[in-house]
Amino acid sequence: MKDTPAEMARRFQAMLMARTGEERLKMGCSMHESARRLVLASVLAKNPRATSSELRQALFLRFYRNDFDSQTTTKILQFLEDSCSISKGVI
């Protein structure tokens, strides 16, 4: 959906490009971390007793569900479950 007037979009693009690469990278990392925290909060609101494995799987599904076919998704989810038990539950 594009509801932003073209002139405003150009001005916004110019403002972003006026920043250094480092600043833009930091902005992107900050946005990703915010999205990650929102997903975790959403999962925990629905299931306060979610395990580390369940949280990791939920993050994967929320961010990458549409990027893989079902067979690959199943393998990745299994890997996340297995690796969580090895890493002692670190998200």
Protein backbone atom coordinates (compact mmCIF):
# COMPACT_ATOMS: atom_id res chain seq x y z
CA MET A 1 0.00 0.00 0.00
CA LYS A 2 1.41 3.36 -0.99
CA ASP A 3 -0.46 6.17 0.70
CA THR A 4 2.54 8.48 1.08
CA PRO A 5 2.74 11.36 -1.40
CA ALA A 6 5.69 10.96 -3.78
CA GLU A 7 7.36 14.17 -2.58
CA MET A 8 7.26 13.00 1.05
CA ALA A 9 8.65 9.60 0.06
CA ARG A 10 11.54 11.32 -1.76
CA ARG A 11 12.26 13.55 1.24
CA PHE A 12 12.21 10.58 3.61
CA GLN A 13 14.55 8.62 1.30
CA ALA A 14 16.92 11.60 1.18
CA MET A 15 16.90 11.86 4.99
CA LEU A 16 17.77 8.17 5.33
CA MET A 17 20.51 8.34 2.73
CA ALA A 18 22.02 11.38 4.48
CA ARG A 19 22.85 9.10 7.40
CA THR A 20 26.06 7.12 7.44
CA GLY A 21 26.05 3.43 6.65
CA GLU A 22 26.79 2.74 10.31
CA GLU A 23 23.78 4.79 11.42
CA ARG A 24 21.48 2.99 8.96
CA LEU A 25 22.80 -0.39 10.10
CA LYS A 26 22.19 0.52 13.74
CA MET A 27 18.64 1.61 12.88
CA GLY A 28 17.98 -1.70 11.14
CA CYS A 29 19.40 -3.72 14.02
CA SER A 30 17.32 -1.74 16.49
CA MET A 31 14.15 -2.33 14.48
CA HIS A 32 14.90 -6.06 14.24
CA GLU A 33 15.47 -6.30 18.00
CA SER A 34 12.22 -4.44 18.66
CA ALA A 35 10.33 -6.82 16.38
CA ARG A 36 11.98 -9.79 18.09
CA ARG A 37 10.93 -8.55 21.52
CA LEU A 38 7.37 -7.97 20.33
CA VAL A 39 7.16 -11.53 19.00
CA LEU A 40 8.51 -12.97 22.24
CA ALA A 41 6.08 -10.88 24.28
CA SER A 42 3.21 -12.06 22.09
CA VAL A 43 4.17 -15.72 22.48
CA LEU A 44 4.62 -15.37 26.23
CA ALA A 45 1.28 -13.57 26.57
CA LYS A 46 -0.42 -16.59 25.02
CA ASN A 47 1.74 -19.16 26.78
CA PRO A 48 3.61 -17.84 29.84
CA ARG A 49 5.25 -21.23 30.32
CA ALA A 50 6.69 -21.44 26.81
CA THR A 51 10.03 -23.22 26.76
CA SER A 52 13.15 -21.78 25.17
CA SER A 53 12.65 -24.21 22.33
CA GLU A 54 9.09 -23.03 21.77
CA LEU A 55 10.23 -19.40 21.81
CA ARG A 56 12.97 -20.04 19.27
CA GLN A 57 10.55 -21.91 17.03
CA ALA A 58 7.97 -19.14 17.30
CA LEU A 59 10.57 -16.54 16.36
CA PHE A 60 11.60 -18.58 13.35
CA LEU A 61 8.03 -19.08 12.20
CA ARG A 62 7.07 -15.44 12.66
CA PHE A 63 10.08 -14.13 10.74
CA TYR A 64 10.76 -16.85 8.14
CA ARG A 65 7.64 -19.06 7.77
CA ASN A 66 7.08 -18.06 4.14
CA ASP A 67 10.72 -18.36 3.09
CA PHE A 68 10.93 -22.16 3.14
CA ASP A 69 8.90 -25.09 1.89
CA SER A 70 7.13 -27.21 4.50
CA GLN A 71 9.76 -29.98 4.48
CA THR A 72 12.61 -27.54 5.10
CA THR A 73 10.58 -25.69 7.75
CA THR A 74 10.01 -28.97 9.59
CA LYS A 75 13.75 -29.73 9.53
CA ILE A 76 14.61 -26.28 10.83
CA LEU A 77 12.04 -26.50 13.62
CA GLN A 78 13.46 -29.88 14.64
CA PHE A 79 16.98 -28.46 14.61
CA LEU A 80 15.87 -25.56 16.82
CA GLU A 81 14.27 -28.00 19.25
CA ASP A 82 17.35 -30.22 19.34
CA SER A 83 19.88 -27.39 19.57
CA CYS A 84 17.95 -25.75 22.38
CA SER A 85 18.42 -28.80 24.57
CA ILE A 86 22.15 -28.76 23.77
CA SER A 87 22.56 -25.02 24.44
CA LYS A 88 20.68 -25.26 27.74
CA GLY A 89 17.77 -23.08 26.68
CA VAL A 90 19.49 -19.92 25.50
CA ILE A 91 17.17 -18.02 23.16
